[in-house]
Amino acid sequence: MRGTAVRLEPETAADWWEVEALYDLCFAPGREALSSYRLRERVDPIAPLCLTLRDEGVLAAAIRYWPIRVGGRRALLLGPIAVHPTRQGEGLGGWLIHDSLARARGLGWARVLLVGDAPYYARFGFQRLDGVEMPPPTNPDRVLGHALQPGAWDGVTGPVTADRD
């Protein structure tokens, strides 16, 4: 997995369309109709947290983060994260998540939200958030949060909105 040819680097403008093609490959058609995409419209991603994983120059995985607000409080929206189908099961997604969460903590972010599979993301410290309202249609059981600072999610409830400030 983490051979000398595998490089984890910030996504650049030149990577954008290649990363988009990876997301198209990994997710069902119409992925941009999901509620989380409405939170990304007209918002720039958090560049230092958008990472690519390349093996001998070939894109193997990518992750992006976006600024949001939950009940008016700042947070990060993790996603999408994708690993090329030929590279799944090698731990690349876990590497991206662990590394990017550490970077987010280092940048002073307090909390991260994602919409995903609780059993998978629990290994990274994510848990179901009660009282956090994603735009519909979103299954509330899939709204997960991770505190980058102790207690960061305590008392944080309400609607999730784009952070365009």
N, C-alpha and C. Protein backbone atom coordinates (compact mmCIF):
# COMPACT_ATOMS: atom_id res chain seq x y z
N MET A 1 0.82 -1.20 0.00
CA MET A 1 0.00 0.00 0.00
C MET A 1 0.86 1.26 0.00
N ARG A 2 1.72 1.42 1.00
CA ARG A 2 2.49 2.65 1.14
C ARG A 2 3.91 2.45 0.66
N GLY A 3 4.02 2.05 -0.59
CA GLY A 3 5.33 1.87 -1.18
C GLY A 3 5.96 3.21 -1.49
N THR A 4 7.18 3.16 -1.97
CA THR A 4 7.89 4.40 -2.25
C THR A 4 7.27 5.15 -3.42
N ALA A 5 6.51 4.45 -4.27
CA ALA A 5 5.92 5.10 -5.43
C ALA A 5 4.58 5.77 -5.10
N VAL A 6 4.02 5.47 -3.92
CA VAL A 6 2.73 6.04 -3.53
C VAL A 6 2.97 7.39 -2.87
N ARG A 7 2.30 8.42 -3.40
CA ARG A 7 2.48 9.78 -2.89
C ARG A 7 1.14 10.39 -2.50
N LEU A 8 1.07 10.94 -1.31
CA LEU A 8 -0.09 11.67 -0.82
C LEU A 8 0.23 13.14 -0.94
N GLU A 9 -0.58 13.87 -1.72
CA GLU A 9 -0.30 15.28 -1.97
C GLU A 9 -1.60 16.08 -2.01
N PRO A 10 -1.52 17.38 -1.74
CA PRO A 10 -2.69 18.22 -1.92
C PRO A 10 -3.15 18.22 -3.38
N GLU A 11 -4.46 18.22 -3.57
CA GLU A 11 -5.02 18.31 -4.92
C GLU A 11 -4.68 19.67 -5.50
N THR A 12 -4.33 19.69 -6.77
CA THR A 12 -4.04 20.95 -7.46
C THR A 12 -5.15 21.22 -8.47
N ALA A 13 -5.16 22.42 -9.02
CA ALA A 13 -6.14 22.76 -10.05
C ALA A 13 -6.02 21.82 -11.24
N ALA A 14 -4.82 21.38 -11.54
CA ALA A 14 -4.60 20.46 -12.66
C ALA A 14 -5.19 19.07 -12.40
N ASP A 15 -5.42 18.73 -11.13
CA ASP A 15 -5.99 17.43 -10.76
C ASP A 15 -7.52 17.39 -10.84
N TRP A 16 -8.15 18.56 -10.87
CA TRP A 16 -9.61 18.66 -10.67
C TRP A 16 -10.40 17.68 -11.54
N TRP A 17 -10.20 17.69 -12.84
CA TRP A 17 -11.02 16.86 -13.72
C TRP A 17 -10.70 15.39 -13.60
N GLU A 18 -9.45 15.06 -13.30
CA GLU A 18 -9.10 13.66 -13.09
C GLU A 18 -9.77 13.14 -11.81
N VAL A 19 -9.80 13.97 -10.77
CA VAL A 19 -10.48 13.59 -9.53
C VAL A 19 -11.98 13.45 -9.78
N GLU A 20 -12.55 14.40 -10.54
CA GLU A 20 -13.98 14.30 -10.87
C GLU A 20 -14.28 13.01 -11.63
N ALA A 21 -13.40 12.60 -12.53
CA ALA A 21 -13.60 11.36 -13.28
C ALA A 21 -13.55 10.15 -12.33
N LEU A 22 -12.67 10.20 -11.32
CA LEU A 22 -12.63 9.12 -10.34
C LEU A 22 -13.94 9.05 -9.56
N TYR A 23 -14.46 10.20 -9.15
CA TYR A 23 -15.75 10.22 -8.44
C TYR A 23 -16.86 9.68 -9.33
N ASP A 24 -16.87 10.04 -10.60
CA ASP A 24 -17.87 9.50 -11.52
C ASP A 24 -17.77 7.98 -11.63
N LEU A 25 -16.54 7.48 -11.67
CA LEU A 25 -16.34 6.04 -11.77
C LEU A 25 -16.82 5.31 -10.52
N CYS A 26 -16.57 5.90 -9.35
CA CYS A 26 -16.84 5.22 -8.08
C CYS A 26 -18.27 5.37 -7.57
N PHE A 27 -18.98 6.39 -8.03
CA PHE A 27 -20.32 6.64 -7.51
C PHE A 27 -21.34 6.55 -8.63
N ALA A 28 -22.54 6.25 -8.23
CA ALA A 28 -23.63 6.07 -9.19
C ALA A 28 -23.88 7.35 -9.98
N PRO A 29 -24.41 7.18 -11.19
CA PRO A 29 -24.81 8.37 -11.95
C PRO A 29 -25.79 9.19 -11.12
N GLY A 30 -25.72 10.48 -11.27
CA GLY A 30 -26.60 11.36 -10.51
C GLY A 30 -26.08 11.69 -9.12
N ARG A 31 -24.79 11.40 -8.85
CA ARG A 31 -24.23 11.67 -7.53
C ARG A 31 -24.39 13.13 -7.13
N GLU A 32 -24.40 14.01 -8.11
CA GLU A 32 -24.49 15.44 -7.80
C GLU A 32 -25.90 15.87 -7.40
N ALA A 33 -26.86 14.95 -7.46
CA ALA A 33 -28.22 15.25 -7.01
C ALA A 33 -28.37 15.03 -5.50
N LEU A 34 -27.37 14.42 -4.86
CA LEU A 34 -27.44 14.16 -3.43
C LEU A 34 -27.45 15.46 -2.64
N SER A 35 -28.07 15.42 -1.46
CA SER A 35 -28.20 16.64 -0.65
C SER A 35 -26.85 17.26 -0.30
N SER A 36 -25.84 16.44 -0.10
CA SER A 36 -24.52 16.98 0.26
C SER A 36 -23.95 17.85 -0.85
N TYR A 37 -24.31 17.58 -2.09
CA TYR A 37 -23.81 18.40 -3.20
C TYR A 37 -24.42 19.80 -3.18
N ARG A 38 -25.62 19.93 -2.67
CA ARG A 38 -26.22 21.28 -2.57
C ARG A 38 -25.41 22.15 -1.61
N LEU A 39 -24.77 21.52 -0.63
CA LEU A 39 -23.95 22.27 0.32
C LEU A 39 -22.62 22.70 -0.28
N ARG A 40 -22.25 22.11 -1.42
CA ARG A 40 -20.98 22.40 -2.07
C ARG A 40 -21.11 23.41 -3.21
N GLU A 41 -22.35 23.70 -3.61
CA GLU A 41 -22.55 24.62 -4.74
C GLU A 41 -22.05 26.02 -4.39
N ARG A 42 -21.30 26.59 -5.31
CA ARG A 42 -20.78 27.96 -5.17
C ARG A 42 -19.92 28.13 -3.91
N VAL A 43 -19.29 27.04 -3.47
CA VAL A 43 -18.40 27.07 -2.31
C VAL A 43 -17.08 26.43 -2.72
N ASP A 44 -15.99 27.06 -2.38
CA ASP A 44 -14.68 26.47 -2.65
C ASP A 44 -14.38 25.41 -1.59
N PRO A 45 -13.79 24.30 -2.00
CA PRO A 45 -13.36 23.31 -1.01
C PRO A 45 -12.21 23.87 -0.17
N ILE A 46 -11.95 23.21 0.95
CA ILE A 46 -10.84 23.59 1.82
C ILE A 46 -9.56 22.98 1.22
N ALA A 47 -8.85 23.77 0.46
CA ALA A 47 -7.73 23.28 -0.37
C ALA A 47 -6.70 22.45 0.40
N PRO A 48 -6.24 22.86 1.59
CA PRO A 48 -5.20 22.06 2.26
C PRO A 48 -5.68 20.66 2.68
N LEU A 49 -7.00 20.44 2.66
CA LEU A 49 -7.55 19.14 3.08
C LEU A 49 -8.01 18.28 1.90
N CYS A 50 -7.92 18.82 0.70
CA CYS A 50 -8.29 18.06 -0.50
C CYS A 50 -7.02 17.37 -0.99
N LEU A 51 -7.01 16.05 -0.90
CA LEU A 51 -5.79 15.29 -1.12
C LEU A 51 -5.96 14.26 -2.22
N THR A 52 -4.87 13.97 -2.89
CA THR A 52 -4.83 12.89 -3.86
C THR A 52 -3.77 11.89 -3.43
N LEU A 53 -4.02 10.65 -3.78
CA LEU A 53 -3.07 9.59 -3.55
C LEU A 53 -2.72 9.02 -4.91
N ARG A 54 -1.46 9.10 -5.29
CA ARG A 54 -1.01 8.62 -6.60
C ARG A 54 0.04 7.53 -6.41
N ASP A 55 -0.03 6.55 -7.29
CA ASP A 55 0.96 5.48 -7.32
C ASP A 55 1.62 5.54 -8.69
N GLU A 56 2.91 5.92 -8.68
CA GLU A 56 3.66 6.12 -9.92
C GLU A 56 2.91 7.05 -10.88
N GLY A 57 2.34 8.11 -10.31
CA GLY A 57 1.65 9.13 -11.09
C GLY A 57 0.21 8.84 -11.41
N VAL A 58 -0.27 7.62 -11.16
CA VAL A 58 -1.65 7.24 -11.48
C VAL A 58 -2.53 7.50 -10.26
N LEU A 59 -3.63 8.23 -10.46
CA LEU A 59 -4.54 8.56 -9.37
C LEU A 59 -5.19 7.29 -8.82
N ALA A 60 -4.99 7.02 -7.53
CA ALA A 60 -5.55 5.84 -6.89
C ALA A 60 -6.70 6.20 -5.95
N ALA A 61 -6.68 7.41 -5.37
CA ALA A 61 -7.70 7.81 -4.41
C ALA A 61 -7.68 9.32 -4.24
N ALA A 62 -8.82 9.84 -3.76
CA ALA A 62 -8.92 11.29 -3.53
C ALA A 62 -9.95 11.56 -2.44
N ILE A 63 -9.77 12.69 -1.77
CA ILE A 63 -10.69 13.12 -0.72
C ILE A 63 -10.82 14.63 -0.79
N ARG A 64 -12.02 15.12 -0.49
CA ARG A 64 -12.25 16.57 -0.43
C ARG A 64 -13.02 16.92 0.84
N TYR A 65 -12.85 18.16 1.27
CA TYR A 65 -13.57 18.73 2.41
C TYR A 65 -14.14 20.09 2.02
N TRP A 66 -15.27 20.43 2.64
CA TRP A 66 -15.98 21.67 2.33
C TRP A 66 -16.40 22.35 3.63
N PRO A 67 -16.45 23.68 3.64
CA PRO A 67 -16.91 24.38 4.84
C PRO A 67 -18.45 24.36 4.90
N ILE A 68 -18.96 24.07 6.08
CA ILE A 68 -20.41 24.11 6.32
C ILE A 68 -20.67 24.77 7.67
N ARG A 69 -21.94 24.94 7.96
CA ARG A 69 -22.37 25.38 9.29
C ARG A 69 -23.44 24.42 9.78
N VAL A 70 -23.38 24.10 11.06
CA VAL A 70 -24.38 23.25 11.69
C VAL A 70 -24.97 24.07 12.83
N GLY A 71 -26.24 24.45 12.68
CA GLY A 71 -26.84 25.32 13.68
C GLY A 71 -26.05 26.61 13.85
N GLY A 72 -25.46 27.07 12.76
CA GLY A 72 -24.68 28.31 12.78
C GLY A 72 -23.21 28.15 13.17
N ARG A 73 -22.81 26.95 13.60
CA ARG A 73 -21.42 26.71 14.02
C ARG A 73 -20.63 26.11 12.87
N ARG A 74 -19.39 26.55 12.70
CA ARG A 74 -18.55 26.06 11.60
C ARG A 74 -18.17 24.60 11.78
N ALA A 75 -18.11 23.91 10.63
CA ALA A 75 -17.71 22.51 10.61
C ALA A 75 -17.18 22.20 9.22
N LEU A 76 -16.61 21.02 9.10
CA LEU A 76 -16.16 20.52 7.81
C LEU A 76 -17.11 19.44 7.34
N LEU A 77 -17.37 19.42 6.04
CA LEU A 77 -18.11 18.33 5.41
C LEU A 77 -17.09 17.49 4.67
N LEU A 78 -16.91 16.24 5.10
CA LEU A 78 -15.98 15.33 4.45
C LEU A 78 -16.69 14.67 3.28
N GLY A 79 -16.06 14.73 2.15
CA GLY A 79 -16.59 14.00 1.00
C GLY A 79 -16.62 14.85 -0.25
N PRO A 80 -16.60 14.17 -1.34
CA PRO A 80 -16.51 12.72 -1.42
C PRO A 80 -15.09 12.22 -1.20
N ILE A 81 -15.04 10.93 -0.85
CA ILE A 81 -13.79 10.20 -0.80
C ILE A 81 -13.97 9.01 -1.73
N ALA A 82 -12.98 8.75 -2.54
CA ALA A 82 -13.08 7.64 -3.49
C ALA A 82 -11.74 6.96 -3.65
N VAL A 83 -11.81 5.65 -3.81
CA VAL A 83 -10.63 4.84 -4.11
C VAL A 83 -10.95 4.10 -5.41
N HIS A 84 -10.02 4.16 -6.35
CA HIS A 84 -10.23 3.49 -7.64
C HIS A 84 -10.60 2.02 -7.39
N PRO A 85 -11.57 1.49 -8.13
CA PRO A 85 -12.02 0.11 -7.90
C PRO A 85 -10.90 -0.92 -7.92
N THR A 86 -9.86 -0.69 -8.69
CA THR A 86 -8.75 -1.66 -8.74
C THR A 86 -7.84 -1.57 -7.53
N ARG A 87 -8.03 -0.55 -6.68
CA ARG A 87 -7.17 -0.33 -5.51
C ARG A 87 -7.92 -0.48 -4.19
N GLN A 88 -9.21 -0.79 -4.25
CA GLN A 88 -9.99 -0.92 -3.02
C GLN A 88 -9.51 -2.12 -2.21
N GLY A 89 -9.61 -1.99 -0.89
CA GLY A 89 -9.17 -3.05 0.00
C GLY A 89 -7.71 -2.97 0.40
N GLU A 90 -7.01 -1.94 -0.06
CA GLU A 90 -5.59 -1.78 0.26
C GLU A 90 -5.34 -0.82 1.42
N GLY A 91 -6.41 -0.23 1.96
CA GLY A 91 -6.25 0.72 3.06
C GLY A 91 -6.01 2.15 2.63
N LEU A 92 -6.14 2.43 1.34
CA LEU A 92 -5.88 3.79 0.85
C LEU A 92 -6.90 4.79 1.39
N GLY A 93 -8.17 4.39 1.45
CA GLY A 93 -9.21 5.27 1.99
C GLY A 93 -8.95 5.61 3.44
N GLY A 94 -8.57 4.61 4.21
CA GLY A 94 -8.24 4.85 5.62
C GLY A 94 -7.06 5.78 5.78
N TRP A 95 -6.06 5.60 4.93
CA TRP A 95 -4.89 6.48 4.95
C TRP A 95 -5.33 7.92 4.70
N LEU A 96 -6.15 8.14 3.68
CA LEU A 96 -6.63 9.49 3.37
C LEU A 96 -7.42 10.09 4.54
N ILE A 97 -8.30 9.29 5.13
CA ILE A 97 -9.13 9.80 6.22
C ILE A 97 -8.26 10.15 7.42
N HIS A 98 -7.41 9.24 7.86
CA HIS A 98 -6.56 9.52 9.02
C HIS A 98 -5.69 10.74 8.80
N ASP A 99 -5.04 10.80 7.65
CA ASP A 99 -4.13 11.92 7.37
C ASP A 99 -4.89 13.24 7.30
N SER A 100 -6.02 13.24 6.60
CA SER A 100 -6.76 14.49 6.44
C SER A 100 -7.38 14.97 7.75
N LEU A 101 -7.84 14.04 8.60
CA LEU A 101 -8.36 14.45 9.90
C LEU A 101 -7.26 15.07 10.76
N ALA A 102 -6.06 14.51 10.70
CA ALA A 102 -4.93 15.09 11.44
C ALA A 102 -4.60 16.49 10.91
N ARG A 103 -4.64 16.65 9.60
CA ARG A 103 -4.39 17.97 9.01
C ARG A 103 -5.46 18.97 9.44
N ALA A 104 -6.72 18.52 9.44
CA ALA A 104 -7.82 19.41 9.84
C ALA A 104 -7.65 19.86 11.29
N ARG A 105 -7.29 18.92 12.15
CA ARG A 105 -7.04 19.26 13.56
C ARG A 105 -5.91 20.29 13.65
N GLY A 106 -4.86 20.07 12.89
CA GLY A 106 -3.72 20.98 12.89
C GLY A 106 -4.06 22.37 12.39
N LEU A 107 -5.08 22.46 11.54
CA LEU A 107 -5.52 23.76 11.02
C LEU A 107 -6.52 24.44 11.96
N GLY A 108 -6.85 23.77 13.08
CA GLY A 108 -7.72 24.39 14.07
C GLY A 108 -9.21 24.09 13.90
N TRP A 109 -9.57 23.19 13.01
CA TRP A 109 -10.98 22.82 12.86
C TRP A 109 -11.41 22.01 14.07
N ALA A 110 -12.66 22.15 14.47
CA ALA A 110 -13.16 21.47 15.67
C ALA A 110 -13.99 20.23 15.36
N ARG A 111 -14.75 20.26 14.24
CA ARG A 111 -15.69 19.17 13.99
C ARG A 111 -15.81 18.85 12.51
N VAL A 112 -16.11 17.58 12.23
CA VAL A 112 -16.27 17.09 10.87
C VAL A 112 -17.59 16.32 10.79
N LEU A 113 -18.30 16.53 9.71
CA LEU A 113 -19.55 15.82 9.44
C LEU A 113 -19.43 15.09 8.12
N LEU A 114 -20.09 13.95 8.01
CA LEU A 114 -20.20 13.26 6.74
C LEU A 114 -21.52 12.50 6.72
N VAL A 115 -21.92 12.11 5.52
CA VAL A 115 -23.08 11.25 5.34
C VAL A 115 -22.52 9.93 4.83
N GLY A 116 -22.66 8.88 5.64
CA GLY A 116 -22.06 7.61 5.23
C GLY A 116 -22.49 6.45 6.09
N ASP A 117 -21.81 5.35 5.90
CA ASP A 117 -22.09 4.08 6.54
C ASP A 117 -21.46 4.06 7.94
N ALA A 118 -22.29 4.08 8.98
CA ALA A 118 -21.79 4.17 10.35
C ALA A 118 -20.80 3.06 10.72
N PRO A 119 -21.06 1.79 10.38
CA PRO A 119 -20.09 0.76 10.77
C PRO A 119 -18.70 0.98 10.15
N TYR A 120 -18.64 1.47 8.93
CA TYR A 120 -17.34 1.74 8.30
C TYR A 120 -16.64 2.92 8.96
N TYR A 121 -17.34 4.05 9.12
CA TYR A 121 -16.70 5.27 9.60
C TYR A 121 -16.48 5.29 11.10
N ALA A 122 -17.10 4.38 11.85
CA ALA A 122 -16.88 4.32 13.30
C ALA A 122 -15.41 4.07 13.63
N ARG A 123 -14.71 3.34 12.77
CA ARG A 123 -13.29 3.04 13.03
C ARG A 123 -12.42 4.29 13.01
N PHE A 124 -12.95 5.39 12.46
CA PHE A 124 -12.22 6.65 12.42
C PHE A 124 -12.72 7.64 13.47
N GLY A 125 -13.64 7.17 14.33
CA GLY A 125 -14.15 8.02 15.40
C GLY A 125 -15.45 8.73 15.07
N PHE A 126 -16.08 8.41 13.96
CA PHE A 126 -17.36 9.03 13.61
C PHE A 126 -18.50 8.31 14.31
N GLN A 127 -19.50 9.08 14.72
CA GLN A 127 -20.70 8.51 15.31
C GLN A 127 -21.92 9.31 14.90
N ARG A 128 -23.07 8.67 15.03
CA ARG A 128 -24.33 9.29 14.61
C ARG A 128 -24.55 10.58 15.39
N LEU A 129 -25.03 11.60 14.66
CA LEU A 129 -25.32 12.90 15.27
C LEU A 129 -26.83 13.05 15.42
N ASP A 130 -27.30 13.21 16.63
CA ASP A 130 -28.72 13.47 16.86
C ASP A 130 -28.96 14.97 16.80
N GLY A 131 -30.06 15.35 16.16
CA GLY A 131 -30.42 16.76 16.13
C GLY A 131 -29.73 17.57 15.06
N VAL A 132 -28.95 16.92 14.21
CA VAL A 132 -28.30 17.60 13.09
C VAL A 132 -29.11 17.28 11.84
N GLU A 133 -29.57 18.32 11.17
CA GLU A 133 -30.54 18.16 10.08
C GLU A 133 -29.91 18.48 8.73
N MET A 134 -29.55 17.42 8.01
CA MET A 134 -29.06 17.57 6.63
C MET A 134 -30.24 17.91 5.73
N PRO A 135 -29.98 18.61 4.61
CA PRO A 135 -31.06 18.85 3.65
C PRO A 135 -31.64 17.51 3.18
N PRO A 136 -32.94 17.46 2.97
CA PRO A 136 -33.54 16.20 2.51
C PRO A 136 -33.20 15.95 1.05
N PRO A 137 -33.27 14.72 0.58
CA PRO A 137 -33.56 13.54 1.40
C PRO A 137 -32.26 12.94 1.94
N THR A 138 -32.12 12.90 3.22
CA THR A 138 -30.96 12.27 3.86
C THR A 138 -31.45 11.40 5.01
N ASN A 139 -30.99 10.17 5.05
CA ASN A 139 -31.32 9.26 6.14
C ASN A 139 -30.58 9.75 7.39
N PRO A 140 -31.29 10.12 8.46
CA PRO A 140 -30.62 10.63 9.67
C PRO A 140 -29.63 9.65 10.29
N ASP A 141 -29.82 8.35 10.05
CA ASP A 141 -28.88 7.36 10.60
C ASP A 141 -27.52 7.43 9.93
N ARG A 142 -27.43 8.11 8.79
CA ARG A 142 -26.18 8.20 8.04
C ARG A 142 -25.45 9.53 8.27
N VAL A 143 -26.03 10.40 9.11
CA VAL A 143 -25.40 11.68 9.43
C VAL A 143 -24.46 11.45 10.62
N LEU A 144 -23.17 11.51 10.32
CA LEU A 144 -22.14 11.14 11.30
C LEU A 144 -21.21 12.32 11.57
N GLY A 145 -20.71 12.37 12.79
CA GLY A 145 -19.78 13.43 13.15
C GLY A 145 -18.56 12.90 13.87
N HIS A 146 -17.50 13.68 13.78
CA HIS A 146 -16.23 13.37 14.46
C HIS A 146 -15.75 14.66 15.11
N ALA A 147 -15.45 14.58 16.41
CA ALA A 147 -14.92 15.74 17.13
C ALA A 147 -13.41 15.75 17.03
N LEU A 148 -12.87 16.80 16.42
CA LEU A 148 -11.42 16.95 16.33
C LEU A 148 -10.86 17.55 17.61
N GLN A 149 -11.73 18.18 18.39
CA GLN A 149 -11.38 18.71 19.70
C GLN A 149 -12.39 18.14 20.69
N PRO A 150 -11.97 17.83 21.90
CA PRO A 150 -12.91 17.24 22.87
C PRO A 150 -14.17 18.08 23.03
N GLY A 151 -15.32 17.41 22.95
CA GLY A 151 -16.60 18.07 23.16
C GLY A 151 -17.07 18.96 22.03
N ALA A 152 -16.40 18.91 20.89
CA ALA A 152 -16.71 19.84 19.79
C ALA A 152 -18.15 19.70 19.28
N TRP A 153 -18.74 18.53 19.41
CA TRP A 153 -20.13 18.35 18.95
C TRP A 153 -21.15 18.53 20.08
N ASP A 154 -20.69 18.72 21.31
CA ASP A 154 -21.61 18.87 22.44
C ASP A 154 -22.52 20.08 22.22
N GLY A 155 -23.83 19.84 22.21
CA GLY A 155 -24.80 20.92 22.07
C GLY A 155 -24.93 21.49 20.68
N VAL A 156 -24.24 20.93 19.71
CA VAL A 156 -24.33 21.43 18.33
C VAL A 156 -25.44 20.67 17.62
N THR A 157 -26.51 21.38 17.32
CA THR A 157 -27.66 20.80 16.63
C THR A 157 -28.19 21.84 15.64
N GLY A 158 -29.15 21.40 14.83
CA GLY A 158 -29.79 22.32 13.91
C GLY A 158 -29.50 21.98 12.46
N PRO A 159 -29.94 22.86 11.58
CA PRO A 159 -29.78 22.61 10.15
C PRO A 159 -28.32 22.74 9.69
N VAL A 160 -27.99 21.92 8.71
CA VAL A 160 -26.68 22.00 8.06
C VAL A 160 -26.84 22.90 6.84
N THR A 161 -26.01 23.92 6.75
CA THR A 161 -26.06 24.86 5.64
C THR A 161 -24.68 25.06 5.07
N ALA A 162 -24.63 25.53 3.84
CA ALA A 162 -23.35 25.86 3.21
C ALA A 162 -22.74 27.04 3.94
N ASP A 163 -21.42 27.06 4.02
CA ASP A 163 -20.70 28.19 4.60
C ASP A 163 -20.07 28.96 3.46
N ARG A 164 -20.75 29.98 3.04
CA ARG A 164 -20.28 30.78 1.90
C ARG A 164 -19.57 32.06 2.33
N ASP A 165 -19.23 32.16 3.62
CA ASP A 165 -18.54 33.35 4.13
C ASP A 165 -17.05 33.25 3.94
